[in-house]
Amino acid sequence: MLNYSDSDLPAKHIAIFYADKISNSITKEFFNGQKALASKEEALEVAKAFWEITNLASTDHLNNLSILDNVDVEFWMHKLFNKVYGYYEKNGFKEQWKIAEEKYS
């Protein structure tokens, strides 16, 4: 499961905010720290959703849309990327990450 320090909580809040927008319950549970990825299929689904979330966040940032009380979306998405990529690498899902990144980023 993803674990967040108190200083990382804005990344968690952004991830959940956008997971709600794309209506992906597995992704929301993963980002909320309630679910570990149990299969390559789940890992691919969440990685795909991460890139969807990134695209939504990027669009909001470029359109100067304020989300979650003006949190710096660009900064926290970079933090979230590092956290999620690290999870994938540590848990043997690097290939699923690479597939989703090449196809959806």
Protein backbone atom coordinates (compact mmCIF):
# COMPACT_ATOMS: atom_id res chain seq x y z
CA MET A 1 0.00 0.00 0.00
CA LEU A 2 1.05 3.57 -0.46
CA ASN A 3 2.06 5.24 2.75
CA TYR A 4 2.11 8.99 3.17
CA SER A 5 3.95 11.10 5.68
CA ASP A 6 2.16 14.15 7.03
CA SER A 7 4.20 16.30 4.66
CA ASP A 8 3.02 14.21 1.66
CA LEU A 9 -0.70 14.53 2.36
CA PRO A 10 -1.35 17.09 -0.40
CA ALA A 11 -0.20 14.47 -2.94
CA LYS A 12 -2.68 12.01 -1.47
CA HIS A 13 -5.51 14.54 -1.56
CA ILE A 14 -4.79 15.41 -5.20
CA ALA A 15 -4.68 11.72 -6.18
CA ILE A 16 -8.01 11.03 -4.50
CA PHE A 17 -9.57 14.19 -5.96
CA TYR A 18 -8.73 13.08 -9.50
CA ALA A 19 -9.46 9.38 -8.88
CA ASP A 20 -12.99 10.49 -7.97
CA LYS A 21 -13.18 12.43 -11.25
CA ILE A 22 -12.36 9.35 -13.31
CA SER A 23 -14.59 7.11 -11.15
CA ASN A 24 -11.99 4.42 -10.60
CA SER A 25 -12.52 2.72 -7.25
CA ILE A 26 -9.39 0.52 -7.32
CA THR A 27 -7.26 3.57 -8.04
CA LYS A 28 -8.94 5.54 -5.29
CA GLU A 29 -8.39 2.73 -2.76
CA PHE A 30 -4.75 2.43 -3.85
CA PHE A 31 -4.08 6.16 -3.58
CA ASN A 32 -5.94 6.30 -0.29
CA GLY A 33 -3.52 3.72 1.14
CA GLN A 34 -6.30 1.16 1.60
CA LYS A 35 -5.26 -1.33 -1.08
CA ALA A 36 -2.06 -2.99 -2.18
CA LEU A 37 -1.81 -4.00 -5.82
CA ALA A 38 -2.47 -7.72 -6.02
CA SER A 39 -1.84 -8.50 -9.68
CA LYS A 40 -0.23 -7.27 -12.88
CA GLU A 41 -3.71 -6.43 -14.17
CA GLU A 42 -4.47 -4.20 -11.19
CA ALA A 43 -1.04 -2.59 -11.50
CA LEU A 44 -1.67 -1.81 -15.16
CA GLU A 45 -5.14 -0.41 -14.40
CA VAL A 46 -3.81 1.89 -11.67
CA ALA A 47 -0.83 2.98 -13.79
CA LYS A 48 -3.20 3.83 -16.66
CA ALA A 49 -5.37 5.78 -14.23
CA PHE A 50 -2.31 7.61 -12.92
CA TRP A 51 -1.60 8.93 -16.42
CA GLU A 52 -5.26 9.91 -16.86
CA ILE A 53 -5.04 11.78 -13.56
CA THR A 54 -1.80 13.42 -14.67
CA ASN A 55 -3.44 14.63 -17.87
CA LEU A 56 -6.41 16.04 -15.95
CA ALA A 57 -4.13 17.77 -13.44
CA SER A 58 -1.99 19.18 -16.24
CA THR A 59 -5.05 20.56 -18.00
CA ASP A 60 -6.32 22.13 -14.79
CA HIS A 61 -2.90 23.65 -14.11
CA LEU A 62 -2.59 25.07 -17.64
CA ASN A 63 -6.09 26.54 -17.34
CA ASN A 64 -5.23 28.09 -13.96
CA LEU A 65 -8.01 26.18 -12.25
CA SER A 66 -7.79 26.19 -8.49
CA ILE A 67 -8.27 22.85 -6.78
CA LEU A 68 -8.13 21.90 -3.12
CA ASP A 69 -7.63 25.43 -1.80
CA ASN A 70 -5.01 26.46 -4.35
CA VAL A 71 -2.60 23.59 -3.74
CA ASP A 72 0.37 23.60 -6.17
CA VAL A 73 -0.83 20.79 -8.43
CA GLU A 74 2.30 20.65 -10.56
CA PHE A 75 4.60 20.30 -7.53
CA TRP A 76 2.46 17.66 -5.83
CA MET A 77 1.95 15.63 -9.01
CA HIS A 78 5.74 15.35 -9.28
CA LYS A 79 5.82 14.11 -5.69
CA LEU A 80 3.01 11.67 -6.42
CA PHE A 81 4.83 10.38 -9.50
CA ASN A 82 7.94 9.64 -7.44
CA LYS A 83 5.91 7.90 -4.74
CA VAL A 84 3.89 5.74 -7.14
CA TYR A 85 6.86 4.88 -9.36
CA GLY A 86 8.83 3.87 -6.29
CA TYR A 87 5.96 1.63 -5.17
CA TYR A 88 5.82 -0.05 -8.58
CA GLU A 89 9.56 -0.58 -8.68
CA LYS A 90 9.70 -1.94 -5.13
CA ASN A 91 6.76 -4.31 -5.63
CA GLY A 92 7.72 -5.84 -8.98
CA PHE A 93 5.37 -3.89 -11.25
CA LYS A 94 7.95 -1.84 -13.15
CA GLU A 95 6.97 -3.45 -16.47
CA GLN A 96 3.29 -2.52 -15.99
CA TRP A 97 4.34 1.04 -15.21
CA LYS A 98 6.45 1.19 -18.36
CA ILE A 99 3.62 -0.18 -20.52
CA ALA A 100 1.13 2.37 -19.18
CA GLU A 101 3.62 5.21 -19.44
CA GLU A 102 4.40 4.43 -23.08
CA LYS A 103 0.75 3.99 -24.01
CA TYR A 104 -1.02 6.67 -21.94
CA SER A 105 1.41 9.43 -20.96
